[in-house]
Amino acid sequence: MPTVTFILPDGSKKTYDAYEGETLLSLAHRSDPDLLEGACEGSLACSTCHVIVEKDFYDTVEETNPISDEENDMLDLAFGLTETSRLGCQVKVTKEIDGLCVRIPSSTRNISVDKK
């Protein structure tokens, strides 16, 4: 069973066993519902599940989970965007990324449109 480590804004780490094929967002919600926001519940309509993939893992994550144009557009809205930023709802756990470490930014940007 692959493992994923989430590095919290305070520097502490939480490591969880993941199921192959589940997203980082679903892993986070299953393991600790307060770990990662995910306001749109993984529908690629926000950037609140933004994570920063540790550089050692980024190329492998990109090979197994290529970034889509839609994800790239949503990342433009993310707080603290970096070159290794991804949305947790779009990164599926695979055996190739066993031991993955991702950093959770210190804040999220949740932009919603009030339709009245």
PDB file of N, CA and C in Angstrom:
ATOM      1  N   MET A   1       0.845  -1.178   0.000  1.00  0.00           N
ATOM      2  CA  MET A   1       0.000   0.000   0.000  1.00  0.00           C
ATOM      3  C   MET A   1       0.891   1.241   0.000  1.00  0.00           C
ATOM      4  N   PRO A   2       0.735   2.127  -0.992  1.00  0.00           N
ATOM      5  CA  PRO A   2       1.563   3.343  -1.040  1.00  0.00           C
ATOM      6  C   PRO A   2       1.280   4.272   0.148  1.00  0.00           C
ATOM      7  N   THR A   3       2.269   5.061   0.491  1.00  0.00           N
ATOM      8  CA  THR A   3       2.077   6.067   1.534  1.00  0.00           C
ATOM      9  C   THR A   3       2.259   7.460   0.947  1.00  0.00           C
ATOM     10  N   VAL A   4       1.576   8.413   1.579  1.00  0.00           N
ATOM     11  CA  VAL A   4       1.697   9.823   1.208  1.00  0.00           C
ATOM     12  C   VAL A   4       1.889  10.606   2.493  1.00  0.00           C
ATOM     13  N   THR A   5       2.847  11.529   2.476  1.00  0.00           N
ATOM     14  CA  THR A   5       3.082  12.398   3.623  1.00  0.00           C
ATOM     15  C   THR A   5       2.640  13.807   3.271  1.00  0.00           C
ATOM     16  N   PHE A   6       1.797  14.366   4.126  1.00  0.00           N
ATOM     17  CA  PHE A   6       1.364  15.754   4.006  1.00  0.00           C
ATOM     18  C   PHE A   6       2.179  16.564   5.002  1.00  0.00           C
ATOM     19  N   ILE A   7       2.834  17.622   4.510  1.00  0.00           N
ATOM     20  CA  ILE A   7       3.595  18.522   5.371  1.00  0.00           C
ATOM     21  C   ILE A   7       2.710  19.726   5.635  1.00  0.00           C
ATOM     22  N   LEU A   8       2.339  19.915   6.879  1.00  0.00           N
ATOM     23  CA  LEU A   8       1.425  20.986   7.258  1.00  0.00           C
ATOM     24  C   LEU A   8       2.142  22.333   7.285  1.00  0.00           C
ATOM     25  N   PRO A   9       1.373  23.429   7.245  1.00  0.00           N
ATOM     26  CA  PRO A   9       2.004  24.757   7.247  1.00  0.00           C
ATOM     27  C   PRO A   9       2.957  24.996   8.415  1.00  0.00           C
ATOM     28  N   ASP A  10       2.717  24.324   9.561  1.00  0.00           N
ATOM     29  CA  ASP A  10       3.605  24.510  10.716  1.00  0.00           C
ATOM     30  C   ASP A  10       4.852  23.621  10.650  1.00  0.00           C
ATOM     31  N   GLY A  11       4.986  22.838   9.570  1.00  0.00           N
ATOM     32  CA  GLY A  11       6.150  21.977   9.394  1.00  0.00           C
ATOM     33  C   GLY A  11       5.958  20.560   9.893  1.00  0.00           C
ATOM     34  N   SER A  12       4.893  20.305  10.643  1.00  0.00           N
ATOM     35  CA  SER A  12       4.640  18.941  11.105  1.00  0.00           C
ATOM     36  C   SER A  12       4.201  18.071   9.929  1.00  0.00           C
ATOM     37  N   LYS A  13       4.339  16.765  10.084  1.00  0.00           N
ATOM     38  CA  LYS A  13       4.055  15.842   8.995  1.00  0.00           C
ATOM     39  C   LYS A  13       3.024  14.801   9.439  1.00  0.00           C
ATOM     40  N   LYS A  14       2.169  14.436   8.485  1.00  0.00           N
ATOM     41  CA  LYS A  14       1.200  13.368   8.705  1.00  0.00           C
ATOM     42  C   LYS A  14       1.311  12.411   7.523  1.00  0.00           C
ATOM     43  N   THR A  15       1.561  11.143   7.810  1.00  0.00           N
ATOM     44  CA  THR A  15       1.721  10.132   6.769  1.00  0.00           C
ATOM     45  C   THR A  15       0.561   9.155   6.835  1.00  0.00           C
ATOM     46  N   TYR A  16       0.008   8.848   5.664  1.00  0.00           N
ATOM     47  CA  TYR A  16      -1.153   7.963   5.589  1.00  0.00           C
ATOM     48  C   TYR A  16      -0.941   6.902   4.520  1.00  0.00           C
ATOM     49  N   ASP A  17      -1.544   5.733   4.759  1.00  0.00           N
ATOM     50  CA  ASP A  17      -1.597   4.695   3.743  1.00  0.00           C
ATOM     51  C   ASP A  17      -2.664   5.087   2.739  1.00  0.00           C
ATOM     52  N   ALA A  18      -2.350   4.930   1.462  1.00  0.00           N
ATOM     53  CA  ALA A  18      -3.269   5.326   0.394  1.00  0.00           C
ATOM     54  C   ALA A  18      -3.646   4.113  -0.444  1.00  0.00           C
ATOM     55  N   TYR A  19      -4.807   4.188  -1.045  1.00  0.00           N
ATOM     56  CA  TYR A  19      -5.229   3.174  -2.007  1.00  0.00           C
ATOM     57  C   TYR A  19      -4.800   3.627  -3.391  1.00  0.00           C
ATOM     58  N   GLU A  20      -4.285   2.695  -4.171  1.00  0.00           N
ATOM     59  CA  GLU A  20      -3.932   3.054  -5.541  1.00  0.00           C
ATOM     60  C   GLU A  20      -5.180   3.524  -6.269  1.00  0.00           C
ATOM     61  N   GLY A  21      -5.059   4.625  -6.987  1.00  0.00           N
ATOM     62  CA  GLY A  21      -6.170   5.168  -7.757  1.00  0.00           C
ATOM     63  C   GLY A  21      -6.971   6.243  -7.045  1.00  0.00           C
ATOM     64  N   GLU A  22      -6.832   6.361  -5.723  1.00  0.00           N
ATOM     65  CA  GLU A  22      -7.552   7.440  -5.044  1.00  0.00           C
ATOM     66  C   GLU A  22      -6.763   8.734  -5.185  1.00  0.00           C
ATOM     67  N   THR A  23      -7.464   9.848  -5.145  1.00  0.00           N
ATOM     68  CA  THR A  23      -6.790  11.140  -5.268  1.00  0.00           C
ATOM     69  C   THR A  23      -6.223  11.565  -3.919  1.00  0.00           C
ATOM     70  N   LEU A  24      -5.307  12.515  -3.970  1.00  0.00           N
ATOM     71  CA  LEU A  24      -4.776  13.067  -2.721  1.00  0.00           C
ATOM     72  C   LEU A  24      -5.887  13.703  -1.899  1.00  0.00           C
ATOM     73  N   LEU A  25      -6.853  14.317  -2.572  1.00  0.00           N
ATOM     74  CA  LEU A  25      -7.978  14.928  -1.857  1.00  0.00           C
ATOM     75  C   LEU A  25      -8.813  13.867  -1.147  1.00  0.00           C
ATOM     76  N   SER A  26      -9.135  12.784  -1.828  1.00  0.00           N
ATOM     77  CA  SER A  26      -9.946  11.750  -1.176  1.00  0.00           C
ATOM     78  C   SER A  26      -9.168  11.084  -0.037  1.00  0.00           C
ATOM     79  N   LEU A  27      -7.865  10.883  -0.210  1.00  0.00           N
ATOM     80  CA  LEU A  27      -7.033  10.358   0.874  1.00  0.00           C
ATOM     81  C   LEU A  27      -7.074  11.283   2.079  1.00  0.00           C
ATOM     82  N   ALA A  28      -6.906  12.573   1.840  1.00  0.00           N
ATOM     83  CA  ALA A  28      -6.920  13.549   2.933  1.00  0.00           C
ATOM     84  C   ALA A  28      -8.263  13.534   3.651  1.00  0.00           C
ATOM     85  N   HIS A  29      -9.356  13.554   2.914  1.00  0.00           N
ATOM     86  CA  HIS A  29     -10.688  13.577   3.538  1.00  0.00           C
ATOM     87  C   HIS A  29     -10.972  12.277   4.285  1.00  0.00           C
ATOM     88  N   ARG A  30     -10.516  11.155   3.765  1.00  0.00           N
ATOM     89  CA  ARG A  30     -10.715   9.861   4.430  1.00  0.00           C
ATOM     90  C   ARG A  30      -9.898   9.767   5.713  1.00  0.00           C
ATOM     91  N   SER A  31      -8.703  10.339   5.708  1.00  0.00           N
ATOM     92  CA  SER A  31      -7.772  10.205   6.826  1.00  0.00           C
ATOM     93  C   SER A  31      -7.945  11.271   7.892  1.00  0.00           C
ATOM     94  N   ASP A  32      -8.202  12.489   7.472  1.00  0.00           N
ATOM     95  CA  ASP A  32      -8.333  13.624   8.391  1.00  0.00           C
ATOM     96  C   ASP A  32      -9.125  14.706   7.665  1.00  0.00           C
ATOM     97  N   PRO A  33     -10.441  14.766   7.877  1.00  0.00           N
ATOM     98  CA  PRO A  33     -11.298  15.677   7.108  1.00  0.00           C
ATOM     99  C   PRO A  33     -10.876  17.147   7.133  1.00  0.00           C
ATOM    100  N   ASP A  34     -10.103  17.556   8.132  1.00  0.00           N
ATOM    101  CA  ASP A  34      -9.671  18.956   8.220  1.00  0.00           C
ATOM    102  C   ASP A  34      -8.318  19.209   7.555  1.00  0.00           C
ATOM    103  N   LEU A  35      -7.714  18.180   6.994  1.00  0.00           N
ATOM    104  CA  LEU A  35      -6.364  18.291   6.434  1.00  0.00           C
ATOM    105  C   LEU A  35      -6.303  19.169   5.186  1.00  0.00           C
ATOM    106  N   LEU A  36      -7.244  18.987   4.280  1.00  0.00           N
ATOM    107  CA  LEU A  36      -7.238  19.675   2.988  1.00  0.00           C
ATOM    108  C   LEU A  36      -8.670  20.071   2.672  1.00  0.00           C
ATOM    109  N   GLU A  37      -8.883  21.336   2.291  1.00  0.00           N
ATOM    110  CA  GLU A  37     -10.247  21.829   2.167  1.00  0.00           C
ATOM    111  C   GLU A  37     -11.059  21.150   1.062  1.00  0.00           C
ATOM    112  N   GLY A  38     -10.737  21.365  -0.182  1.00  0.00           N
ATOM    113  CA  GLY A  38     -11.507  20.746  -1.263  1.00  0.00           C
ATOM    114  C   GLY A  38     -12.939  21.233  -1.339  1.00  0.00           C
ATOM    115  N   ALA A  39     -13.147  22.543  -1.410  1.00  0.00           N
ATOM    116  CA  ALA A  39     -14.487  23.136  -1.370  1.00  0.00           C
ATOM    117  C   ALA A  39     -15.408  22.639  -2.478  1.00  0.00           C
ATOM    118  N   CYS A  40     -14.872  22.339  -3.648  1.00  0.00           N
ATOM    119  CA  CYS A  40     -15.716  21.899  -4.773  1.00  0.00           C
ATOM    120  C   CYS A  40     -15.850  20.378  -4.818  1.00  0.00           C
ATOM    121  N   GLU A  41     -15.321  19.704  -3.795  1.00  0.00           N
ATOM    122  CA  GLU A  41     -15.402  18.249  -3.672  1.00  0.00           C
ATOM    123  C   GLU A  41     -14.773  17.512  -4.850  1.00  0.00           C
ATOM    124  N   GLY A  42     -13.727  18.092  -5.406  1.00  0.00           N
ATOM    125  CA  GLY A  42     -12.978  17.419  -6.462  1.00  0.00           C
ATOM    126  C   GLY A  42     -13.521  17.591  -7.860  1.00  0.00           C
ATOM    127  N   SER A  43     -14.389  18.582  -8.070  1.00  0.00           N
ATOM    128  CA  SER A  43     -14.975  18.775  -9.399  1.00  0.00           C
ATOM    129  C   SER A  43     -14.170  19.728 -10.284  1.00  0.00           C
ATOM    130  N   LEU A  44     -12.977  20.089  -9.853  1.00  0.00           N
ATOM    131  CA  LEU A  44     -12.085  20.976 -10.612  1.00  0.00           C
ATOM    132  C   LEU A  44     -12.696  22.348 -10.832  1.00  0.00           C
ATOM    133  N   ALA A  45     -13.351  22.858  -9.771  1.00  0.00           N
ATOM    134  CA  ALA A  45     -14.000  24.161  -9.845  1.00  0.00           C
ATOM    135  C   ALA A  45     -13.438  25.151  -8.825  1.00  0.00           C
ATOM    136  N   CYS A  46     -12.352  24.781  -8.137  1.00  0.00           N
ATOM    137  CA  CYS A  46     -11.722  25.697  -7.181  1.00  0.00           C
ATOM    138  C   CYS A  46     -10.254  25.307  -7.046  1.00  0.00           C
ATOM    139  N   SER A  47      -9.543  26.001  -6.187  1.00  0.00           N
ATOM    140  CA  SER A  47      -8.127  25.666  -5.976  1.00  0.00           C
ATOM    141  C   SER A  47      -7.838  25.404  -4.503  1.00  0.00           C
ATOM    142  N   THR A  48      -8.863  25.070  -3.720  1.00  0.00           N
ATOM    143  CA  THR A  48      -8.667  24.912  -2.276  1.00  0.00           C
ATOM    144  C   THR A  48      -7.964  23.618  -1.884  1.00  0.00           C
ATOM    145  N   CYS A  49      -7.774  22.701  -2.823  1.00  0.00           N
ATOM    146  CA  CYS A  49      -7.015  21.473  -2.520  1.00  0.00           C
ATOM    147  C   CYS A  49      -5.590  21.582  -3.071  1.00  0.00           C
ATOM    148  N   HIS A  50      -5.141  22.804  -3.274  1.00  0.00           N
ATOM    149  CA  HIS A  50      -3.793  23.072  -3.776  1.00  0.00           C
ATOM    150  C   HIS A  50      -2.745  22.464  -2.838  1.00  0.00           C
ATOM    151  N   VAL A  51      -1.830  21.701  -3.416  1.00  0.00           N
ATOM    152  CA  VAL A  51      -0.693  21.160  -2.677  1.00  0.00           C
ATOM    153  C   VAL A  51       0.572  21.458  -3.473  1.00  0.00           C
ATOM    154  N   ILE A  52       1.677  21.484  -2.774  1.00  0.00           N
ATOM    155  CA  ILE A  52       2.969  21.708  -3.407  1.00  0.00           C
ATOM    156  C   ILE A  52       3.742  20.394  -3.320  1.00  0.00           C
ATOM    157  N   VAL A  53       3.973  19.793  -4.472  1.00  0.00           N
ATOM    158  CA  VAL A  53       4.668  18.510  -4.545  1.00  0.00           C
ATOM    159  C   VAL A  53       6.158  18.757  -4.310  1.00  0.00           C
ATOM    160  N   GLU A  54       6.749  17.966  -3.431  1.00  0.00           N
ATOM    161  CA  GLU A  54       8.180  18.084  -3.187  1.00  0.00           C
ATOM    162  C   GLU A  54       8.925  17.815  -4.496  1.00  0.00           C
ATOM    163  N   LYS A  55       9.969  18.576  -4.758  1.00  0.00           N
ATOM    164  CA  LYS A  55      10.677  18.528  -6.053  1.00  0.00           C
ATOM    165  C   LYS A  55      11.147  17.135  -6.440  1.00  0.00           C
ATOM    166  N   ASP A  56      11.551  16.327  -5.462  1.00  0.00           N
ATOM    167  CA  ASP A  56      12.038  14.977  -5.760  1.00  0.00           C
ATOM    168  C   ASP A  56      10.962  14.096  -6.405  1.00  0.00           C
ATOM    169  N   PHE A  57       9.701  14.437  -6.187  1.00  0.00           N
ATOM    170  CA  PHE A  57       8.598  13.620  -6.678  1.00  0.00           C
ATOM    171  C   PHE A  57       7.886  14.229  -7.881  1.00  0.00           C
ATOM    172  N   TYR A  58       8.143  15.485  -8.180  1.00  0.00           N
ATOM    173  CA  TYR A  58       7.307  16.182  -9.167  1.00  0.00           C
ATOM    174  C   TYR A  58       7.320  15.520 -10.540  1.00  0.00           C
ATOM    175  N   ASP A  59       8.482  15.150 -11.050  1.00  0.00           N
ATOM    176  CA  ASP A  59       8.542  14.554 -12.391  1.00  0.00           C
ATOM    177  C   ASP A  59       7.749  13.247 -12.456  1.00  0.00           C
ATOM    178  N   THR A  60       7.837  12.431 -11.423  1.00  0.00           N
ATOM    179  CA  THR A  60       7.099  11.170 -11.400  1.00  0.00           C
ATOM    180  C   THR A  60       5.599  11.428 -11.306  1.00  0.00           C
ATOM    181  N   VAL A  61       5.206  12.403 -10.493  1.00  0.00           N
ATOM    182  CA  VAL A  61       3.784  12.763 -10.409  1.00  0.00           C
ATOM    183  C   VAL A  61       3.299  13.244 -11.772  1.00  0.00           C
ATOM    184  N   GLU A  62       4.090  14.048 -12.432  1.00  0.00           N
ATOM    185  CA  GLU A  62       3.714  14.582 -13.742  1.00  0.00           C
ATOM    186  C   GLU A  62       3.614  13.465 -14.788  1.00  0.00           C
ATOM    187  N   GLU A  63       4.492  12.472 -14.700  1.00  0.00           N
ATOM    188  CA  GLU A  63       4.437  11.348 -15.642  1.00  0.00           C
ATOM    189  C   GLU A  63       3.185  10.502 -15.437  1.00  0.00           C
ATOM    190  N   THR A  64       2.824  10.259 -14.180  1.00  0.00           N
ATOM    191  CA  THR A  64       1.675   9.400 -13.885  1.00  0.00           C
ATOM    192  C   THR A  64       0.358  10.166 -13.865  1.00  0.00           C
ATOM    193  N   ASN A  65       0.412  11.466 -13.668  1.00  0.00           N
ATOM    194  CA  ASN A  65      -0.773  12.322 -13.586  1.00  0.00           C
ATOM    195  C   ASN A  65      -0.511  13.625 -14.346  1.00  0.00           C
ATOM    196  N   PRO A  66      -0.479  13.593 -15.673  1.00  0.00           N
ATOM    197  CA  PRO A  66      -0.178  14.816 -16.420  1.00  0.00           C
ATOM    198  C   PRO A  66      -1.176  15.925 -16.096  1.00  0.00           C
ATOM    199  N   ILE A  67      -0.679  17.130 -16.011  1.00  0.00           N
ATOM    200  CA  ILE A  67      -1.537  18.267 -15.682  1.00  0.00           C
ATOM    201  C   ILE A  67      -2.385  18.638 -16.902  1.00  0.00           C
ATOM    202  N   SER A  68      -3.656  18.868 -16.668  1.00  0.00           N
ATOM    203  CA  SER A  68      -4.564  19.249 -17.754  1.00  0.00           C
ATOM    204  C   SER A  68      -4.635  20.772 -17.862  1.00  0.00           C
ATOM    205  N   ASP A  69      -5.145  21.259 -18.974  1.00  0.00           N
ATOM    206  CA  ASP A  69      -5.335  22.702 -19.142  1.00  0.00           C
ATOM    207  C   ASP A  69      -6.297  23.245 -18.081  1.00  0.00           C
ATOM    208  N   GLU A  70      -7.341  22.466 -17.759  1.00  0.00           N
ATOM    209  CA  GLU A  70      -8.322  22.901 -16.763  1.00  0.00           C
ATOM    210  C   GLU A  70      -7.679  23.039 -15.381  1.00  0.00           C
ATOM    211  N   GLU A  71      -6.836  22.062 -15.019  1.00  0.00           N
ATOM    212  CA  GLU A  71      -6.151  22.159 -13.730  1.00  0.00           C
ATOM    213  C   GLU A  71      -5.207  23.355 -13.720  1.00  0.00           C
ATOM    214  N   ASN A  72      -4.492  23.549 -14.803  1.00  0.00           N
ATOM    215  CA  ASN A  72      -3.572  24.681 -14.901  1.00  0.00           C
ATOM    216  C   ASN A  72      -4.316  26.005 -14.717  1.00  0.00           C
ATOM    217  N   ASP A  73      -5.501  26.118 -15.318  1.00  0.00           N
ATOM    218  CA  ASP A  73      -6.311  27.336 -15.162  1.00  0.00           C
ATOM    219  C   ASP A  73      -6.720  27.544 -13.706  1.00  0.00           C
ATOM    220  N   MET A  74      -7.138  26.482 -13.028  1.00  0.00           N
ATOM    221  CA  MET A  74      -7.543  26.596 -11.624  1.00  0.00           C
ATOM    222  C   MET A  74      -6.352  26.928 -10.736  1.00  0.00           C
ATOM    223  N   LEU A  75      -5.187  26.401 -11.067  1.00  0.00           N
ATOM    224  CA  LEU A  75      -4.000  26.687 -10.261  1.00  0.00           C
ATOM    225  C   LEU A  75      -3.649  28.172 -10.287  1.00  0.00           C
ATOM    226  N   ASP A  76      -4.012  28.856 -11.360  1.00  0.00           N
ATOM    227  CA  ASP A  76      -3.761  30.300 -11.416  1.00  0.00           C
ATOM    228  C   ASP A  76      -4.446  31.041 -10.276  1.00  0.00           C
ATOM    229  N   LEU A  77      -5.478  30.430  -9.695  1.00  0.00           N
ATOM    230  CA  LEU A  77      -6.211  31.044  -8.585  1.00  0.00           C
ATOM    231  C   LEU A  77      -5.668  30.656  -7.219  1.00  0.00           C
ATOM    232  N   ALA A  78      -4.715  29.744  -7.189  1.00  0.00           N
ATOM    233  CA  ALA A  78      -4.216  29.195  -5.924  1.00  0.00           C
ATOM    234  C   ALA A  78      -3.322  30.181  -5.185  1.00  0.00           C
ATOM    235  N   PHE A  79      -3.434  30.161  -3.860  1.00  0.00           N
ATOM    236  CA  PHE A  79      -2.576  30.956  -2.990  1.00  0.00           C
ATOM    237  C   PHE A  79      -1.207  30.294  -2.921  1.00  0.00           C
ATOM    238  N   GLY A  80      -0.145  31.050  -3.079  1.00  0.00           N
ATOM    239  CA  GLY A  80       1.210  30.533  -2.923  1.00  0.00           C
ATOM    240  C   GLY A  80       1.644  29.581  -4.023  1.00  0.00           C
ATOM    241  N   LEU A  81       1.216  29.855  -5.246  1.00  0.00           N
ATOM    242  CA  LEU A  81       1.528  29.003  -6.393  1.00  0.00           C
ATOM    243  C   LEU A  81       3.042  28.850  -6.576  1.00  0.00           C
ATOM    244  N   THR A  82       3.477  27.614  -6.870  1.00  0.00           N
ATOM    245  CA  THR A  82       4.892  27.342  -7.139  1.00  0.00           C
ATOM    246  C   THR A  82       4.998  26.538  -8.426  1.00  0.00           C
ATOM    247  N   GLU A  83       6.220  26.275  -8.855  1.00  0.00           N
ATOM    248  CA  GLU A  83       6.448  25.476 -10.068  1.00  0.00           C
ATOM    249  C   GLU A  83       6.014  24.023  -9.885  1.00  0.00           C
ATOM    250  N   THR A  84       5.905  23.558  -8.648  1.00  0.00           N
ATOM    251  CA  THR A  84       5.516  22.168  -8.399  1.00  0.00           C
ATOM    252  C   THR A  84       4.115  22.080  -7.785  1.00  0.00           C
ATOM    253  N   SER A  85       3.304  23.105  -7.973  1.00  0.00           N
ATOM    254  CA  SER A  85       1.939  23.099  -7.455  1.00  0.00           C
ATOM    255  C   SER A  85       1.044  22.179  -8.272  1.00  0.00           C
ATOM    256  N   ARG A  86       0.148  21.498  -7.589  1.00  0.00           N
ATOM    257  CA  ARG A  86      -0.875  20.668  -8.213  1.00  0.00           C
ATOM    258  C   ARG A  86      -2.139  20.764  -7.376  1.00  0.00           C
ATOM    259  N   LEU A  87      -3.257  20.347  -7.942  1.00  0.00           N
ATOM    260  CA  LEU A  87      -4.500  20.247  -7.189  1.00  0.00           C
ATOM    261  C   LEU A  87      -4.629  18.816  -6.690  1.00  0.00           C
ATOM    262  N   GLY A  88      -4.886  18.668  -5.411  1.00  0.00           N
ATOM    263  CA  GLY A  88      -4.982  17.343  -4.812  1.00  0.00           C
ATOM    264  C   GLY A  88      -6.074  16.477  -5.409  1.00  0.00           C
ATOM    265  N   CYS A  89      -7.100  17.105  -5.961  1.00  0.00           N
ATOM    266  CA  CYS A  89      -8.191  16.340  -6.574  1.00  0.00           C
ATOM    267  C   CYS A  89      -7.798  15.748  -7.916  1.00  0.00           C
ATOM    268  N   GLN A  90      -6.674  16.154  -8.459  1.00  0.00           N
ATOM    269  CA  GLN A  90      -6.246  15.695  -9.783  1.00  0.00           C
ATOM    270  C   GLN A  90      -5.059  14.740  -9.747  1.00  0.00           C
ATOM    271  N   VAL A  91      -4.481  14.546  -8.585  1.00  0.00           N
ATOM    272  CA  VAL A  91      -3.326  13.649  -8.463  1.00  0.00           C
ATOM    273  C   VAL A  91      -3.791  12.332  -7.866  1.00  0.00           C
ATOM    274  N   LYS A  92      -3.729  11.284  -8.680  1.00  0.00           N
ATOM    275  CA  LYS A  92      -4.108   9.942  -8.217  1.00  0.00           C
ATOM    276  C   LYS A  92      -2.867   9.210  -7.708  1.00  0.00           C
ATOM    277  N   VAL A  93      -3.048   8.496  -6.619  1.00  0.00           N
ATOM    278  CA  VAL A  93      -1.960   7.734  -6.025  1.00  0.00           C
ATOM    279  C   VAL A  93      -1.672   6.508  -6.891  1.00  0.00           C
ATOM    280  N   THR A  94      -0.407   6.309  -7.175  1.00  0.00           N
ATOM    281  CA  THR A  94       0.054   5.126  -7.901  1.00  0.00           C
ATOM    282  C   THR A  94       1.240   4.542  -7.145  1.00  0.00           C
ATOM    283  N   LYS A  95       1.580   3.303  -7.460  1.00  0.00           N
ATOM    284  CA  LYS A  95       2.731   2.687  -6.798  1.00  0.00           C
ATOM    285  C   LYS A  95       4.017   3.433  -7.134  1.00  0.00           C
ATOM    286  N   GLU A  96       4.050   4.117  -8.299  1.00  0.00           N
ATOM    287  CA  GLU A  96       5.246   4.863  -8.701  1.00  0.00           C
ATOM    288  C   GLU A  96       5.521   6.065  -7.796  1.00  0.00           C
ATOM    289  N   ILE A  97       4.496   6.574  -7.144  1.00  0.00           N
ATOM    290  CA  ILE A  97       4.702   7.740  -6.269  1.00  0.00           C
ATOM    291  C   ILE A  97       4.598   7.368  -4.793  1.00  0.00           C
ATOM    292  N   ASP A  98       4.826   6.091  -4.476  1.00  0.00           N
ATOM    293  CA  ASP A  98       4.873   5.652  -3.078  1.00  0.00           C
ATOM    294  C   ASP A  98       5.894   6.499  -2.327  1.00  0.00           C
ATOM    295  N   GLY A  99       5.507   6.994  -1.172  1.00  0.00           N
ATOM    296  CA  GLY A  99       6.386   7.842  -0.374  1.00  0.00           C
ATOM    297  C   GLY A  99       6.279   9.316  -0.714  1.00  0.00           C
ATOM    298  N   LEU A 100       5.337   9.657  -1.575  1.00  0.00           N
ATOM    299  CA  LEU A 100       5.131  11.049  -1.999  1.00  0.00           C
ATOM    300  C   LEU A 100       5.005  11.986  -0.806  1.00  0.00           C
ATOM    301  N   CYS A 101       5.647  13.146  -0.911  1.00  0.00           N
ATOM    302  CA  CYS A 101       5.517  14.204   0.093  1.00  0.00           C
ATOM    303  C   CYS A 101       4.939  15.434  -0.587  1.00  0.00           C
ATOM    304  N   VAL A 102       3.881  15.983   0.005  1.00  0.00           N
ATOM    305  CA  VAL A 102       3.298  17.221  -0.497  1.00  0.00           C
ATOM    306  C   VAL A 102       3.139  18.200   0.648  1.00  0.00           C
ATOM    307  N   ARG A 103       3.371  19.455   0.347  1.00  0.00           N
ATOM    308  CA  ARG A 103       3.249  20.527   1.341  1.00  0.00           C
ATOM    309  C   ARG A 103       1.894  21.200   1.163  1.00  0.00           C
ATOM    310  N   ILE A 104       1.231  21.452   2.274  1.00  0.00           N
ATOM    311  CA  ILE A 104      -0.032  22.173   2.254  1.00  0.00           C
ATOM    312  C   ILE A 104       0.271  23.652   2.495  1.00  0.00           C
ATOM    313  N   PRO A 105      -0.144  24.526   1.571  1.00  0.00           N
ATOM    314  CA  PRO A 105       0.128  25.960   1.745  1.00  0.00           C
ATOM    315  C   PRO A 105      -0.516  26.507   3.027  1.00  0.00           C
ATOM    316  N   SER A 106      -0.012  27.634   3.474  1.00  0.00           N
ATOM    317  CA  SER A 106      -0.494  28.220   4.724  1.00  0.00           C
ATOM    318  C   SER A 106      -1.892  28.810   4.613  1.00  0.00           C
ATOM    319  N   SER A 107      -2.374  28.977   3.385  1.00  0.00           N
ATOM    320  CA  SER A 107      -3.694  29.561   3.198  1.00  0.00           C
ATOM    321  C   SER A 107      -4.280  29.051   1.887  1.00  0.00           C
ATOM    322  N   THR A 108      -5.592  29.192   1.741  1.00  0.00           N
ATOM    323  CA  THR A 108      -6.242  28.868   0.480  1.00  0.00           C
ATOM    324  C   THR A 108      -7.008  30.088   0.008  1.00  0.00           C
ATOM    325  N   ARG A 109      -7.303  30.080  -1.256  1.00  0.00           N
ATOM    326  CA  ARG A 109      -8.097  31.160  -1.833  1.00  0.00           C
ATOM    327  C   ARG A 109      -9.362  30.511  -2.375  1.00  0.00           C
ATOM    328  N   ASN A 110     -10.496  30.791  -1.730  1.00  0.00           N
ATOM    329  CA  ASN A 110     -11.768  30.201  -2.125  1.00  0.00           C
ATOM    330  C   ASN A 110     -12.625  31.313  -2.712  1.00  0.00           C
ATOM    331  N   ILE A 111     -12.690  31.339  -4.032  1.00  0.00           N
ATOM    332  CA  ILE A 111     -13.463  32.364  -4.727  1.00  0.00           C
ATOM    333  C   ILE A 111     -14.782  31.747  -5.142  1.00  0.00           C
ATOM    334  N   SER A 112     -15.875  32.300  -4.633  1.00  0.00           N
ATOM    335  CA  SER A 112     -17.179  31.794  -5.033  1.00  0.00           C
ATOM    336  C   SER A 112     -17.995  32.935  -5.606  1.00  0.00           C
ATOM    337  N   VAL A 113     -18.881  32.595  -6.483  1.00  0.00           N
ATOM    338  CA  VAL A 113     -19.741  33.597  -7.109  1.00  0.00           C
ATOM    339  C   VAL A 113     -21.131  33.438  -6.546  1.00  0.00           C
ATOM    340  N   ASP A 114     -21.656  34.500  -5.965  1.00  0.00           N
ATOM    341  CA  ASP A 114     -22.999  34.478  -5.398  1.00  0.00           C
ATOM    342  C   ASP A 114     -23.982  34.793  -6.509  1.00  0.00           C
ATOM    343  N   LYS A 115     -24.786  33.808  -6.871  1.00  0.00           N
ATOM    344  CA  LYS A 115     -25.765  33.985  -7.961  1.00  0.00           C
ATOM    345  C   LYS A 115     -27.127  34.308  -7.366  1.00  0.00           C
ATOM    346  N   LYS A 116     -27.544  35.563  -7.497  1.00  0.00           N
ATOM    347  CA  LYS A 116     -28.860  35.969  -6.963  1.00  0.00           C
ATOM    348  C   LYS A 116     -29.767  36.397  -8.074  1.00  0.00           C
TER     349      LYS A 116
END
